[in-house]
Amino acid sequence: STMLHWFPGHMHKATKEFRRKMPQIDIAIEVVDARLPDSSSNHVLENIVGDKPIIKILSKSDLACPNTTKLWLQHYKGSAIAIDTLHDKNVIMKIIDLAQKKLPNRGTVLKPIRAIIFGIPNVGKSTLINKLAGRKIAKTGNEPAVTKLQQRIDIKKGFIIYDTPGIMFPSPKNELSGLRIGAIGSIRDTAMEYQTVAEYMI
């Protein structure tokens, strides 16, 4: 296929980094685009998370169809929330509550909830991280892969979030998933054919 030649070395490195970090993590938070929650999931990292809980944040829900979003939330059976990252005032509380539900025995200063947050480029992860941190620590932008360093954010006493470098999965489940994530700007310009994506969208 002409589309799918975009898994550079630094992403391999980031995947390795993620695997190394995982033993010290209790829960994973995956940010996906509410318009295409499955196509914008990072299935490689989900596998690395293994048996630990994953909660899905369906971001940019203001751009998605509300009825379809409802169906996706039912599909994820209480392990997901939909947010409009820029305007939702209660984002932090929603995430803390959901994580606490999944990990009733953690969340104290001695046994904090240690979460790792990940998402493919351009799904709104950096915007969410800045919101969680209460300040601008992650670069935001339309160009995929601006997140470089792993950050640690103490959301509150007993709740720590580690950020990951922007990681893209090595290959979408199929050609259509590739075209969909191309359409939301998650693939670098050099790695996709605009015309192919445009024809698919039409």
Protein backbone atom coordinates (compact mmCIF):
# COMPACT_ATOMS: atom_id res chain seq x y z
CA SER A 1 0.00 0.00 0.00
CA THR A 2 1.15 3.55 -0.67
CA MET A 3 -0.02 4.75 2.74
CA LEU A 4 1.65 2.85 5.47
CA HIS A 5 5.35 3.54 5.57
CA TRP A 6 5.66 5.44 8.81
CA PHE A 7 7.17 3.72 11.80
CA PRO A 8 10.49 5.50 12.34
CA GLY A 9 13.20 4.31 14.70
CA HIS A 10 12.37 6.75 17.51
CA MET A 11 8.95 5.11 17.79
CA HIS A 12 10.56 1.69 18.26
CA LYS A 13 12.65 3.29 20.98
CA ALA A 14 9.57 4.83 22.59
CA THR A 15 7.79 1.45 22.56
CA LYS A 16 10.79 -0.10 24.32
CA GLU A 17 10.74 2.74 26.86
CA PHE A 18 7.03 2.11 27.47
CA ARG A 19 7.64 -1.61 28.05
CA ARG A 20 10.44 -0.77 30.52
CA LYS A 21 8.19 1.62 32.47
CA MET A 22 5.17 -0.68 32.65
CA PRO A 23 6.16 -2.74 35.78
CA GLN A 24 5.98 0.46 37.90
CA ILE A 25 2.56 1.42 36.53
CA ASP A 26 -0.88 0.53 37.93
CA ILE A 27 -3.16 1.81 35.19
CA ALA A 28 -2.87 3.10 31.63
CA ILE A 29 -4.81 6.06 30.27
CA GLU A 30 -5.21 5.99 26.51
CA VAL A 31 -6.30 9.14 24.70
CA VAL A 32 -8.16 8.44 21.45
CA ASP A 33 -10.09 10.63 19.03
CA ALA A 34 -13.82 10.38 19.77
CA ARG A 35 -14.55 10.38 16.02
CA LEU A 36 -12.67 7.10 15.54
CA PRO A 37 -11.88 5.53 18.92
CA ASP A 38 -10.79 2.16 17.56
CA SER A 39 -8.74 3.33 14.57
CA SER A 40 -6.93 5.87 16.74
CA SER A 41 -6.08 3.31 19.44
CA ASN A 42 -2.49 2.16 19.81
CA HIS A 43 -2.99 -1.62 19.75
CA VAL A 44 0.72 -2.35 20.17
CA LEU A 45 0.87 -0.47 23.49
CA GLU A 46 -2.47 -1.91 24.63
CA ASN A 47 -0.86 -5.35 24.34
CA ILE A 48 2.14 -4.21 26.39
CA VAL A 49 -0.20 -2.96 29.15
CA GLY A 50 -1.42 -6.55 29.39
CA ASP A 51 -3.65 -7.36 32.36
CA LYS A 52 -3.48 -3.93 33.95
CA PRO A 53 -6.56 -1.73 33.55
CA ILE A 54 -6.76 0.72 30.64
CA ILE A 55 -9.13 3.63 30.63
CA LYS A 56 -9.97 5.32 27.37
CA ILE A 57 -10.40 9.06 27.06
CA LEU A 58 -12.46 9.86 23.96
CA SER A 59 -11.17 13.36 23.36
CA LYS A 60 -12.50 16.03 20.99
CA SER A 61 -15.99 14.68 21.66
CA ASP A 62 -17.39 18.05 20.56
CA LEU A 63 -16.36 17.07 17.00
CA ALA A 64 -17.98 13.62 17.13
CA CYS A 65 -21.59 12.51 16.70
CA PRO A 66 -23.10 12.35 20.23
CA ASN A 67 -25.18 9.22 19.51
CA THR A 68 -22.21 7.32 18.09
CA THR A 69 -20.09 8.40 21.07
CA LYS A 70 -22.77 6.97 23.40
CA LEU A 71 -22.50 3.63 21.58
CA TRP A 72 -18.70 3.65 21.89
CA LEU A 73 -18.95 4.34 25.64
CA GLN A 74 -21.33 1.39 26.00
CA HIS A 75 -18.87 -0.73 24.00
CA TYR A 76 -16.06 0.12 26.46
CA LYS A 77 -18.28 -0.93 29.40
CA GLY A 78 -17.48 1.69 32.03
CA SER A 79 -13.79 1.94 31.11
CA ALA A 80 -14.11 5.13 29.04
CA ILE A 81 -15.20 8.73 29.25
CA ALA A 82 -15.83 11.24 26.49
CA ILE A 83 -14.50 14.76 26.96
CA ASP A 84 -14.34 18.05 25.13
CA THR A 85 -10.80 18.70 26.31
CA LEU A 86 -10.77 22.45 25.79
CA HIS A 87 -14.10 23.30 27.40
CA ASP A 88 -14.80 20.52 29.89
CA LYS A 89 -14.29 21.90 33.39
CA ASN A 90 -14.36 18.55 35.21
CA VAL A 91 -11.85 16.61 33.13
CA ILE A 92 -9.45 16.00 36.03
CA MET A 93 -12.14 14.82 38.45
CA LYS A 94 -13.64 12.49 35.83
CA ILE A 95 -10.27 10.83 35.19
CA ILE A 96 -9.42 10.53 38.89
CA ASP A 97 -12.86 9.05 39.69
CA LEU A 98 -12.64 6.47 36.93
CA ALA A 99 -9.08 5.45 37.85
CA GLN A 100 -10.07 5.21 41.52
CA LYS A 101 -12.99 2.92 40.59
CA LYS A 102 -10.59 0.62 38.78
CA LEU A 103 -8.06 0.65 41.64
CA PRO A 104 -10.01 0.83 44.91
CA ASN A 105 -6.94 -0.18 46.97
CA ARG A 106 -4.68 2.59 45.74
CA GLY A 107 -4.77 6.38 45.76
CA THR A 108 -3.08 7.27 49.05
CA VAL A 109 0.27 9.00 49.54
CA LEU A 110 1.87 5.67 50.52
CA LYS A 111 0.17 3.72 47.72
CA PRO A 112 -0.40 6.26 44.97
CA ILE A 113 -2.12 5.46 41.70
CA ARG A 114 0.68 5.46 39.13
CA ALA A 115 -0.76 6.02 35.69
CA ILE A 116 0.86 6.23 32.28
CA ILE A 117 -0.83 8.28 29.57
CA PHE A 118 -0.43 7.53 25.88
CA GLY A 119 -2.03 8.20 22.53
CA ILE A 120 -1.11 8.42 18.88
CA PRO A 121 -0.16 11.89 17.56
CA ASN A 122 -2.83 14.57 17.25
CA VAL A 123 -5.58 12.98 19.37
CA GLY A 124 -5.39 15.74 21.98
CA LYS A 125 -3.03 14.13 24.50
CA SER A 126 -0.83 17.22 24.97
CA THR A 127 -3.86 19.48 25.50
CA LEU A 128 -5.13 17.05 28.13
CA ILE A 129 -1.73 16.85 29.85
CA ASN A 130 -1.51 20.63 30.08
CA LYS A 131 -4.98 20.64 31.63
CA LEU A 132 -4.03 17.93 34.13
CA ALA A 133 -0.81 19.73 35.07
CA GLY A 134 -2.59 23.07 35.37
CA ARG A 135 0.07 24.66 33.18
CA LYS A 136 1.58 24.36 29.74
CA ILE A 137 4.18 21.60 29.91
CA ALA A 138 3.43 19.70 26.73
CA LYS A 139 3.79 21.35 23.36
CA THR A 140 0.57 21.30 21.40
CA GLY A 141 0.41 21.59 17.66
CA ASN A 142 -0.98 20.11 14.50
CA GLU A 143 2.30 18.50 13.52
CA PRO A 144 2.33 14.94 14.88
CA ALA A 145 5.10 13.88 17.26
CA VAL A 146 5.93 17.13 19.06
CA THR A 147 6.02 15.34 22.45
CA LYS A 148 9.61 14.40 23.14
CA LEU A 149 10.32 13.89 26.85
CA GLN A 150 8.71 11.69 29.41
CA GLN A 151 7.10 13.90 32.04
CA ARG A 152 5.91 13.13 35.55
CA ILE A 153 2.86 15.04 36.74
CA ASP A 154 1.53 14.87 40.30
CA ILE A 155 -2.19 15.41 39.73
CA LYS A 156 -2.96 15.34 43.45
CA LYS A 157 -1.63 13.58 46.53
CA GLY A 158 -1.78 9.90 45.72
CA PHE A 159 -2.13 10.25 41.94
CA ILE A 160 0.84 10.42 39.58
CA ILE A 161 0.72 10.46 35.80
CA TYR A 162 3.69 9.71 33.57
CA ASP A 163 3.56 11.01 30.02
CA THR A 164 5.03 9.08 27.11
CA PRO A 165 6.64 10.45 23.98
CA GLY A 166 4.08 10.62 21.14
CA ILE A 167 3.95 7.07 19.85
CA MET A 168 2.29 5.80 16.70
CA PHE A 169 1.53 2.10 16.32
CA PRO A 170 3.57 0.24 13.73
CA SER A 171 0.66 -0.49 11.48
CA PRO A 172 -3.06 0.13 11.72
CA LYS A 173 -5.32 -2.90 11.72
CA ASN A 174 -6.03 -2.32 8.04
CA GLU A 175 -5.81 0.15 5.18
CA LEU A 176 -9.06 1.88 6.18
CA SER A 177 -7.79 2.57 9.69
CA GLY A 178 -4.69 4.09 8.11
CA LEU A 179 -6.82 6.36 5.93
CA ARG A 180 -8.99 7.40 8.87
CA ILE A 181 -6.08 8.38 11.08
CA GLY A 182 -4.53 10.13 8.07
CA ALA A 183 -7.71 12.20 7.83
CA ILE A 184 -7.49 13.41 11.45
CA GLY A 185 -3.85 14.46 11.02
CA SER A 186 -2.15 11.69 13.02
CA ILE A 187 0.32 10.76 10.31
CA ARG A 188 3.21 12.96 9.23
CA ASP A 189 2.69 14.63 5.87
CA THR A 190 5.69 12.86 4.40
CA ALA A 191 4.21 9.46 5.19
CA MET A 192 0.89 9.71 3.44
CA GLU A 193 -0.62 10.44 0.08
CA TYR A 194 -3.00 13.39 0.43
CA GLN A 195 -4.87 12.37 -2.68
CA THR A 196 -5.52 8.84 -1.38
CA VAL A 197 -6.83 10.20 1.91
CA ALA A 198 -8.98 12.83 0.15
CA GLU A 199 -10.50 10.23 -2.17
CA TYR A 200 -11.32 8.02 0.81
CA MET A 201 -12.96 10.95 2.64
CA ILE A 202 -15.06 11.87 -0.38
